[in-house]
Structures are given as C-alpha cells and as structure tokens.
C-alpha cells in the first residue's frame, strides 16, 4: 500500500490569468477535491510576498490552535484576528476557478497575470513581479509572531 495515496502534494509552476470576473483557474493537478466546499484558506503572507492556499489539513491545524485560545491571552487572540483579517476561505467552481478578494489580490500585487507555485503541502499564488518578501515591517512581524504564537 502506498503511504502517499491519500496525500495531496502540490508541485510545479503554472501561469494563470484573472478573467473579467476576477476568477483564477487553478491547474488541474492542484485543484481542490470536493468542489464547492470552502475548506481551503487563502492567506496573504508578506514574508513570501504571495498568497498561500492551504488545504483542509493545514486549515484544521489553524482551527485546532484557535480552539486552545483563552480570553486571558490577548496576544494569541490578536494573532488569530490577524490571520482572519488577511485570509479568506476559497473553493473551486466546476471549471476549477477560484475568486480571490480585492484585498488579497492588491496585497500580492496581482492585477491580471499570476504564477501558481507548488510548495508541497500548499501552493502559492503570486504576481509575476511579486512584492519583495517582507519580514521586517510591523505587519509582517505581527503575522509571523501570530503564526508562531499559535504554534504554526
């Protein structure tokens, strides 16, 4: 029995283009199973200069970390709020397209063309000329701190 039989691996690099309705076609090897189910999370990550699209397993880890929060831990609550602010849930339509909100597209510098890059456990959507990776700004440090505070 193949231990990878039920594991989705995201690899390769693909070019894509937003259509007039701001839909982006996801390449067939990276398409989500369970069309119509919003189980994938798209999160702008400033340290990568890209939108991370995380599958249900990674979303479940975020959710499990969130369930451990207490109201007496404002740093972790702020961390969770920041992740919520910089993300959206996405699903593929029957043609394999996703709709990304204007905020995510603007943060990633995507106007029309995009590059989709596999990153093994998730994939990235970025501009052909992405913003420089940002690990130093207050927003970037807050997000990196947020992910660390949640053990992600």
N, C-alpha and C. Protein backbone atom coordinates (compact mmCIF):
# COMPACT_ATOMS: atom_id res chain seq x y z
N UNK A 1 0.84 -1.19 0.00
CA UNK A 1 0.00 0.00 0.00
C UNK A 1 0.88 1.25 0.00
N UNK A 2 0.56 2.18 -0.85
CA UNK A 2 1.33 3.42 -0.98
C UNK A 2 0.95 4.39 0.15
N UNK A 3 1.92 4.80 1.01
CA UNK A 3 1.60 5.70 2.12
C UNK A 3 1.21 7.11 1.65
N UNK A 4 1.49 7.43 0.41
CA UNK A 4 1.14 8.75 -0.12
C UNK A 4 -0.16 8.76 -0.91
N UNK A 5 -0.85 7.64 -0.94
CA UNK A 5 -2.05 7.50 -1.77
C UNK A 5 -3.12 8.54 -1.45
N UNK A 6 -3.27 8.91 -0.20
CA UNK A 6 -4.32 9.86 0.19
C UNK A 6 -3.78 11.24 0.54
N UNK A 7 -2.55 11.51 0.15
CA UNK A 7 -1.93 12.80 0.46
C UNK A 7 -1.82 13.62 -0.82
N UNK A 8 -2.27 14.86 -0.75
CA UNK A 8 -2.18 15.78 -1.90
C UNK A 8 -0.83 16.49 -1.82
N UNK A 9 -0.04 16.37 -2.87
CA UNK A 9 1.25 17.05 -2.96
C UNK A 9 1.11 18.14 -4.02
N UNK A 10 1.47 19.36 -3.66
CA UNK A 10 1.39 20.48 -4.60
C UNK A 10 2.79 20.76 -5.13
N UNK A 11 2.97 20.56 -6.45
CA UNK A 11 4.28 20.84 -7.04
C UNK A 11 4.11 21.41 -8.44
N UNK A 12 5.19 21.92 -8.96
CA UNK A 12 5.18 22.52 -10.29
C UNK A 12 4.94 24.02 -10.24
N UNK A 13 5.13 24.64 -11.38
CA UNK A 13 4.89 26.08 -11.55
C UNK A 13 4.00 26.25 -12.76
N UNK A 14 2.97 27.08 -12.61
CA UNK A 14 1.98 27.29 -13.67
C UNK A 14 1.69 28.78 -13.79
N UNK A 15 1.41 29.22 -15.00
CA UNK A 15 0.97 30.60 -15.19
C UNK A 15 -0.54 30.62 -15.29
N UNK A 16 -1.12 31.72 -14.85
CA UNK A 16 -2.57 31.86 -14.88
C UNK A 16 -2.91 33.32 -15.11
N UNK A 17 -4.17 33.58 -15.38
CA UNK A 17 -4.63 34.95 -15.62
C UNK A 17 -6.03 35.10 -15.04
N UNK A 18 -6.25 36.21 -14.36
CA UNK A 18 -7.59 36.52 -13.86
C UNK A 18 -8.49 36.81 -15.04
N UNK A 19 -9.72 36.30 -14.99
CA UNK A 19 -10.67 36.65 -16.04
C UNK A 19 -11.39 37.94 -15.65
N UNK A 20 -12.36 38.36 -16.45
CA UNK A 20 -13.05 39.64 -16.21
C UNK A 20 -13.82 39.65 -14.90
N UNK A 21 -14.13 38.47 -14.34
CA UNK A 21 -14.83 38.40 -13.06
C UNK A 21 -13.87 38.14 -11.90
N UNK A 22 -12.57 38.30 -12.18
CA UNK A 22 -11.51 38.10 -11.19
C UNK A 22 -11.44 36.65 -10.69
N UNK A 23 -11.72 35.72 -11.60
CA UNK A 23 -11.60 34.30 -11.29
C UNK A 23 -10.24 33.82 -11.81
N UNK A 24 -9.62 32.97 -11.05
CA UNK A 24 -8.32 32.43 -11.41
C UNK A 24 -8.46 30.92 -11.55
N UNK A 25 -8.06 30.38 -12.70
CA UNK A 25 -8.15 28.94 -12.92
C UNK A 25 -6.96 28.25 -12.28
N UNK A 26 -7.26 27.32 -11.40
CA UNK A 26 -6.23 26.54 -10.72
C UNK A 26 -5.87 25.37 -11.63
N UNK A 27 -4.57 25.11 -11.82
CA UNK A 27 -4.16 23.98 -12.68
C UNK A 27 -4.74 22.66 -12.16
N UNK A 28 -5.10 21.78 -13.07
CA UNK A 28 -5.75 20.51 -12.71
C UNK A 28 -5.02 19.75 -11.60
N UNK A 29 -3.67 19.62 -11.62
CA UNK A 29 -3.02 18.85 -10.55
C UNK A 29 -3.16 19.47 -9.16
N UNK A 30 -3.52 20.75 -9.09
CA UNK A 30 -3.63 21.44 -7.80
C UNK A 30 -5.06 21.69 -7.38
N UNK A 31 -6.01 21.30 -8.21
CA UNK A 31 -7.42 21.60 -7.89
C UNK A 31 -7.87 20.89 -6.64
N UNK A 32 -8.81 21.53 -5.98
CA UNK A 32 -9.35 21.03 -4.73
C UNK A 32 -10.33 19.92 -5.01
N UNK A 33 -10.34 18.96 -4.15
CA UNK A 33 -11.38 17.94 -4.20
C UNK A 33 -12.58 18.48 -3.44
N UNK A 34 -13.74 17.97 -3.72
CA UNK A 34 -14.93 18.43 -3.03
C UNK A 34 -15.36 19.79 -3.53
N UNK A 35 -15.47 19.97 -4.82
CA UNK A 35 -15.86 21.23 -5.45
C UNK A 35 -17.03 21.87 -4.72
N UNK A 36 -16.89 23.15 -4.47
CA UNK A 36 -17.95 23.89 -3.79
C UNK A 36 -17.77 23.95 -2.29
N UNK A 37 -16.93 23.09 -1.72
CA UNK A 37 -16.69 23.12 -0.27
C UNK A 37 -15.57 24.11 0.02
N UNK A 38 -15.85 25.08 0.87
CA UNK A 38 -14.85 26.10 1.20
C UNK A 38 -13.93 25.61 2.30
N UNK A 39 -13.15 24.61 2.03
CA UNK A 39 -12.27 24.05 3.04
C UNK A 39 -10.83 24.52 2.88
N UNK A 40 -10.54 25.26 1.83
CA UNK A 40 -9.19 25.78 1.61
C UNK A 40 -9.15 27.23 2.08
N UNK A 41 -8.00 27.64 2.63
CA UNK A 41 -7.84 29.01 3.10
C UNK A 41 -6.75 29.69 2.28
N UNK A 42 -7.06 30.88 1.77
CA UNK A 42 -6.08 31.70 1.07
C UNK A 42 -5.65 32.79 2.05
N UNK A 43 -4.35 32.89 2.31
CA UNK A 43 -3.79 33.82 3.28
C UNK A 43 -2.64 34.57 2.66
N UNK A 44 -2.69 35.92 2.67
CA UNK A 44 -1.53 36.67 2.18
C UNK A 44 -0.44 36.59 3.22
N UNK A 45 0.75 36.20 2.78
CA UNK A 45 1.90 36.06 3.67
C UNK A 45 2.97 37.05 3.21
N UNK A 46 3.15 38.17 3.95
CA UNK A 46 4.09 39.20 3.50
C UNK A 46 5.54 38.72 3.41
N UNK A 47 5.92 37.77 4.26
CA UNK A 47 7.29 37.27 4.21
C UNK A 47 7.56 36.47 2.94
N UNK A 48 6.50 36.03 2.27
CA UNK A 48 6.64 35.32 1.00
C UNK A 48 6.27 36.21 -0.18
N UNK A 49 5.56 37.31 0.07
CA UNK A 49 5.08 38.18 -1.00
C UNK A 49 4.07 37.46 -1.87
N UNK A 50 3.32 36.53 -1.26
CA UNK A 50 2.41 35.67 -2.03
C UNK A 50 1.19 35.31 -1.19
N UNK A 51 0.18 34.81 -1.89
CA UNK A 51 -1.00 34.26 -1.24
C UNK A 51 -0.76 32.77 -1.08
N UNK A 52 -0.81 32.29 0.15
CA UNK A 52 -0.71 30.85 0.42
C UNK A 52 -2.10 30.28 0.31
N UNK A 53 -2.26 29.16 -0.39
CA UNK A 53 -3.54 28.47 -0.42
C UNK A 53 -3.33 27.14 0.28
N UNK A 54 -3.97 27.04 1.46
CA UNK A 54 -3.74 25.91 2.34
C UNK A 54 -4.90 24.93 2.28
N UNK A 55 -4.59 23.63 2.18
CA UNK A 55 -5.63 22.61 2.11
C UNK A 55 -6.26 22.37 3.49
N UNK A 56 -7.32 21.56 3.51
CA UNK A 56 -8.06 21.33 4.76
C UNK A 56 -7.19 20.89 5.94
N UNK A 57 -6.16 20.07 5.70
CA UNK A 57 -5.32 19.61 6.81
C UNK A 57 -4.64 20.78 7.52
N UNK A 58 -4.15 21.75 6.75
CA UNK A 58 -3.49 22.91 7.35
C UNK A 58 -4.52 23.83 8.02
N UNK A 59 -5.68 23.97 7.40
CA UNK A 59 -6.75 24.77 8.00
C UNK A 59 -7.17 24.14 9.33
N UNK A 60 -7.23 22.83 9.38
CA UNK A 60 -7.59 22.13 10.62
C UNK A 60 -6.57 22.43 11.73
N UNK A 61 -5.28 22.53 11.37
CA UNK A 61 -4.26 22.87 12.37
C UNK A 61 -4.48 24.27 12.92
N UNK A 62 -4.82 25.20 12.04
CA UNK A 62 -5.11 26.57 12.49
C UNK A 62 -6.32 26.55 13.41
N UNK A 63 -7.35 25.83 13.02
CA UNK A 63 -8.57 25.76 13.83
C UNK A 63 -8.29 25.11 15.19
N UNK A 64 -7.50 24.04 15.19
CA UNK A 64 -7.18 23.37 16.46
C UNK A 64 -6.40 24.31 17.38
N UNK A 65 -5.48 25.09 16.82
CA UNK A 65 -4.74 26.06 17.62
C UNK A 65 -5.69 27.13 18.16
N UNK A 66 -6.64 27.55 17.35
CA UNK A 66 -7.60 28.57 17.76
C UNK A 66 -8.48 28.06 18.90
N UNK A 67 -8.82 26.78 18.87
CA UNK A 67 -9.66 26.22 19.93
C UNK A 67 -8.97 26.22 21.29
N UNK A 68 -7.65 26.32 21.29
CA UNK A 68 -6.90 26.31 22.54
C UNK A 68 -6.78 27.70 23.17
N UNK A 69 -7.24 28.72 22.46
CA UNK A 69 -7.11 30.09 22.96
C UNK A 69 -8.00 30.32 24.16
N UNK A 70 -7.52 31.17 25.03
CA UNK A 70 -8.33 31.62 26.16
C UNK A 70 -8.48 33.13 26.07
N UNK A 71 -9.55 33.63 26.62
CA UNK A 71 -9.79 35.07 26.60
C UNK A 71 -8.74 35.84 27.39
N UNK A 72 -7.98 35.16 28.22
CA UNK A 72 -6.95 35.83 29.01
C UNK A 72 -5.62 35.91 28.27
N UNK A 73 -5.57 35.51 27.02
CA UNK A 73 -4.33 35.55 26.23
C UNK A 73 -4.52 36.47 25.03
N UNK A 74 -4.43 37.81 25.27
CA UNK A 74 -4.70 38.75 24.18
C UNK A 74 -3.72 38.65 23.01
N UNK A 75 -2.49 38.22 23.25
CA UNK A 75 -1.53 38.10 22.15
C UNK A 75 -1.97 37.05 21.15
N UNK A 76 -2.41 35.91 21.66
CA UNK A 76 -2.87 34.85 20.75
C UNK A 76 -4.20 35.22 20.12
N UNK A 77 -5.04 35.93 20.86
CA UNK A 77 -6.31 36.37 20.27
C UNK A 77 -6.04 37.35 19.14
N UNK A 78 -5.06 38.25 19.34
CA UNK A 78 -4.68 39.19 18.29
C UNK A 78 -4.11 38.44 17.10
N UNK A 79 -3.33 37.39 17.38
CA UNK A 79 -2.74 36.59 16.32
C UNK A 79 -3.83 35.96 15.45
N UNK A 80 -4.82 35.39 16.12
CA UNK A 80 -5.91 34.75 15.38
C UNK A 80 -6.68 35.79 14.58
N UNK A 81 -6.91 36.95 15.16
CA UNK A 81 -7.59 38.03 14.45
C UNK A 81 -6.84 38.45 13.20
N UNK A 82 -5.51 38.51 13.30
CA UNK A 82 -4.72 38.91 12.14
C UNK A 82 -4.82 37.87 11.02
N UNK A 83 -4.78 36.60 11.39
CA UNK A 83 -4.93 35.55 10.37
C UNK A 83 -6.30 35.67 9.71
N UNK A 84 -7.32 35.90 10.51
CA UNK A 84 -8.67 36.07 9.96
C UNK A 84 -8.76 37.26 9.03
N UNK A 85 -8.08 38.35 9.38
CA UNK A 85 -8.12 39.57 8.58
C UNK A 85 -7.43 39.40 7.23
N UNK A 86 -6.35 38.65 7.19
CA UNK A 86 -5.55 38.51 5.97
C UNK A 86 -5.91 37.30 5.13
N UNK A 87 -7.05 36.66 5.43
CA UNK A 87 -7.38 35.43 4.71
C UNK A 87 -8.83 35.41 4.26
N UNK A 88 -9.12 34.44 3.42
CA UNK A 88 -10.48 34.14 3.01
C UNK A 88 -10.56 32.66 2.71
N UNK A 89 -11.74 32.09 2.87
CA UNK A 89 -11.97 30.70 2.51
C UNK A 89 -12.30 30.67 1.02
N UNK A 90 -11.78 29.67 0.31
CA UNK A 90 -11.99 29.57 -1.13
C UNK A 90 -12.39 28.15 -1.51
N UNK A 91 -13.05 28.06 -2.65
CA UNK A 91 -13.39 26.76 -3.23
C UNK A 91 -13.33 26.90 -4.75
N UNK A 92 -13.13 25.78 -5.41
CA UNK A 92 -13.11 25.76 -6.87
C UNK A 92 -14.53 25.58 -7.40
N UNK A 93 -14.84 26.28 -8.48
CA UNK A 93 -16.11 26.02 -9.16
C UNK A 93 -15.91 24.82 -10.09
N UNK A 94 -16.92 24.49 -10.87
CA UNK A 94 -16.85 23.30 -11.74
C UNK A 94 -15.74 23.39 -12.78
N UNK A 95 -15.33 24.61 -13.12
CA UNK A 95 -14.26 24.80 -14.10
C UNK A 95 -12.89 24.92 -13.44
N UNK A 96 -12.82 24.74 -12.11
CA UNK A 96 -11.54 24.79 -11.41
C UNK A 96 -11.08 26.20 -11.10
N UNK A 97 -12.02 27.16 -11.04
CA UNK A 97 -11.65 28.55 -10.79
C UNK A 97 -11.95 28.93 -9.33
N UNK A 98 -11.13 29.84 -8.82
CA UNK A 98 -11.38 30.43 -7.50
C UNK A 98 -11.52 31.94 -7.67
N UNK A 99 -12.23 32.56 -6.74
CA UNK A 99 -12.35 34.01 -6.72
C UNK A 99 -11.62 34.49 -5.48
N UNK A 100 -10.61 35.34 -5.71
CA UNK A 100 -9.86 35.94 -4.60
C UNK A 100 -10.34 37.36 -4.40
N UNK A 101 -10.46 37.78 -3.13
CA UNK A 101 -10.98 39.12 -2.90
C UNK A 101 -9.96 40.20 -3.28
N UNK A 102 -10.45 41.41 -3.45
CA UNK A 102 -9.61 42.52 -3.90
C UNK A 102 -8.44 42.79 -2.96
N UNK A 103 -8.66 42.64 -1.65
CA UNK A 103 -7.60 42.90 -0.69
C UNK A 103 -6.43 41.94 -0.88
N UNK A 104 -6.71 40.65 -1.00
CA UNK A 104 -5.64 39.67 -1.21
C UNK A 104 -4.89 39.94 -2.52
N UNK A 105 -5.64 40.22 -3.57
CA UNK A 105 -5.00 40.49 -4.87
C UNK A 105 -4.11 41.72 -4.80
N UNK A 106 -4.59 42.78 -4.15
CA UNK A 106 -3.80 44.01 -4.03
C UNK A 106 -2.54 43.78 -3.20
N UNK A 107 -2.68 43.10 -2.08
CA UNK A 107 -1.50 42.84 -1.23
C UNK A 107 -0.44 42.04 -1.99
N UNK A 108 -0.88 41.10 -2.84
CA UNK A 108 0.05 40.27 -3.60
C UNK A 108 0.52 40.94 -4.89
N UNK A 109 -0.04 42.12 -5.22
CA UNK A 109 0.35 42.82 -6.44
C UNK A 109 -0.14 42.15 -7.70
N UNK A 110 -1.23 41.39 -7.60
CA UNK A 110 -1.77 40.69 -8.77
C UNK A 110 -2.83 41.57 -9.41
N UNK A 111 -2.56 41.95 -10.66
CA UNK A 111 -3.54 42.75 -11.41
C UNK A 111 -4.25 41.90 -12.44
N UNK A 112 -3.53 41.09 -13.16
CA UNK A 112 -4.14 40.23 -14.18
C UNK A 112 -3.43 38.88 -14.26
N UNK A 113 -2.11 38.91 -14.42
CA UNK A 113 -1.34 37.67 -14.55
C UNK A 113 -0.90 37.19 -13.17
N UNK A 114 -0.78 35.87 -13.05
CA UNK A 114 -0.35 35.27 -11.80
C UNK A 114 0.51 34.04 -12.09
N UNK A 115 1.29 33.68 -11.09
CA UNK A 115 2.09 32.46 -11.14
C UNK A 115 1.65 31.61 -9.95
N UNK A 116 1.39 30.35 -10.21
CA UNK A 116 0.97 29.42 -9.16
C UNK A 116 2.13 28.44 -8.97
N UNK A 117 2.65 28.42 -7.75
CA UNK A 117 3.83 27.60 -7.45
C UNK A 117 3.50 26.57 -6.36
N UNK A 118 3.80 25.33 -6.65
CA UNK A 118 3.62 24.30 -5.64
C UNK A 118 4.63 24.45 -4.53
N UNK A 119 4.22 24.19 -3.32
CA UNK A 119 5.10 24.24 -2.14
C UNK A 119 4.88 23.00 -1.29
N UNK A 120 4.68 21.88 -1.91
CA UNK A 120 4.49 20.55 -1.35
C UNK A 120 3.18 20.43 -0.56
N UNK A 121 3.06 21.12 0.60
CA UNK A 121 1.86 20.97 1.43
C UNK A 121 0.82 22.06 1.17
N UNK A 122 1.15 23.06 0.37
CA UNK A 122 0.25 24.14 0.00
C UNK A 122 0.74 24.69 -1.33
N UNK A 123 0.02 25.64 -1.91
CA UNK A 123 0.58 26.31 -3.08
C UNK A 123 0.45 27.80 -2.93
N UNK A 124 1.29 28.52 -3.67
CA UNK A 124 1.33 29.97 -3.61
C UNK A 124 0.78 30.55 -4.90
N UNK A 125 0.09 31.67 -4.75
CA UNK A 125 -0.34 32.45 -5.91
C UNK A 125 0.35 33.79 -5.78
N UNK A 126 1.10 34.17 -6.80
CA UNK A 126 1.82 35.43 -6.72
C UNK A 126 1.85 36.13 -8.07
N UNK A 127 2.20 37.39 -8.02
CA UNK A 127 2.36 38.18 -9.23
C UNK A 127 3.62 37.70 -9.96
N UNK A 128 3.69 37.87 -11.28
CA UNK A 128 4.94 37.57 -11.98
C UNK A 128 6.07 38.45 -11.46
N UNK A 129 5.72 39.63 -10.94
CA UNK A 129 6.67 40.54 -10.31
C UNK A 129 6.19 40.79 -8.88
N UNK A 130 6.37 39.80 -8.00
CA UNK A 130 5.78 39.91 -6.66
C UNK A 130 6.44 40.99 -5.82
N UNK A 131 5.71 41.45 -4.80
CA UNK A 131 6.35 42.39 -3.88
C UNK A 131 7.54 41.69 -3.21
N UNK A 132 8.51 42.48 -2.82
CA UNK A 132 9.68 41.92 -2.15
C UNK A 132 9.24 41.24 -0.86
N UNK A 133 9.83 40.11 -0.53
CA UNK A 133 9.50 39.48 0.74
C UNK A 133 9.72 40.47 1.89
N UNK A 134 8.76 40.53 2.79
CA UNK A 134 8.79 41.50 3.89
C UNK A 134 8.78 40.74 5.21
N UNK A 135 9.91 40.77 5.88
CA UNK A 135 10.00 40.14 7.20
C UNK A 135 10.23 41.16 8.30
N UNK A 136 10.32 42.43 7.90
CA UNK A 136 10.72 43.46 8.86
C UNK A 136 9.63 44.46 9.24
N UNK A 137 8.64 44.67 8.38
CA UNK A 137 7.61 45.66 8.70
C UNK A 137 6.80 45.21 9.92
N UNK A 138 6.11 46.15 10.52
CA UNK A 138 5.29 45.82 11.68
C UNK A 138 4.25 44.76 11.35
N UNK A 139 3.58 44.89 10.19
CA UNK A 139 2.57 43.91 9.79
C UNK A 139 3.17 42.51 9.61
N UNK A 140 4.34 42.46 8.95
CA UNK A 140 4.98 41.16 8.73
C UNK A 140 5.40 40.53 10.05
N UNK A 141 5.98 41.32 10.93
CA UNK A 141 6.39 40.78 12.23
C UNK A 141 5.18 40.32 13.04
N UNK A 142 4.07 41.06 12.94
CA UNK A 142 2.86 40.66 13.66
C UNK A 142 2.34 39.32 13.14
N UNK A 143 2.32 39.16 11.80
CA UNK A 143 1.82 37.90 11.25
C UNK A 143 2.75 36.75 11.61
N UNK A 144 4.05 36.94 11.47
CA UNK A 144 4.99 35.88 11.82
C UNK A 144 4.87 35.54 13.31
N UNK A 145 4.71 36.56 14.13
CA UNK A 145 4.50 36.33 15.56
C UNK A 145 3.19 35.62 15.83
N UNK A 146 2.16 35.98 15.05
CA UNK A 146 0.87 35.34 15.21
C UNK A 146 0.95 33.86 14.90
N UNK A 147 1.59 33.54 13.80
CA UNK A 147 1.72 32.13 13.42
C UNK A 147 2.54 31.36 14.46
N UNK A 148 3.61 31.99 14.96
CA UNK A 148 4.44 31.34 15.98
C UNK A 148 3.65 31.16 17.28
N UNK A 149 2.89 32.19 17.67
CA UNK A 149 2.11 32.12 18.92
C UNK A 149 1.10 30.98 18.87
N UNK A 150 0.61 30.68 17.69
CA UNK A 150 -0.36 29.60 17.54
C UNK A 150 0.31 28.25 17.26
N UNK A 151 1.65 28.25 17.25
CA UNK A 151 2.38 27.02 17.01
C UNK A 151 2.34 26.56 15.58
N UNK A 152 2.21 27.52 14.64
CA UNK A 152 2.10 27.16 13.22
C UNK A 152 3.35 27.55 12.46
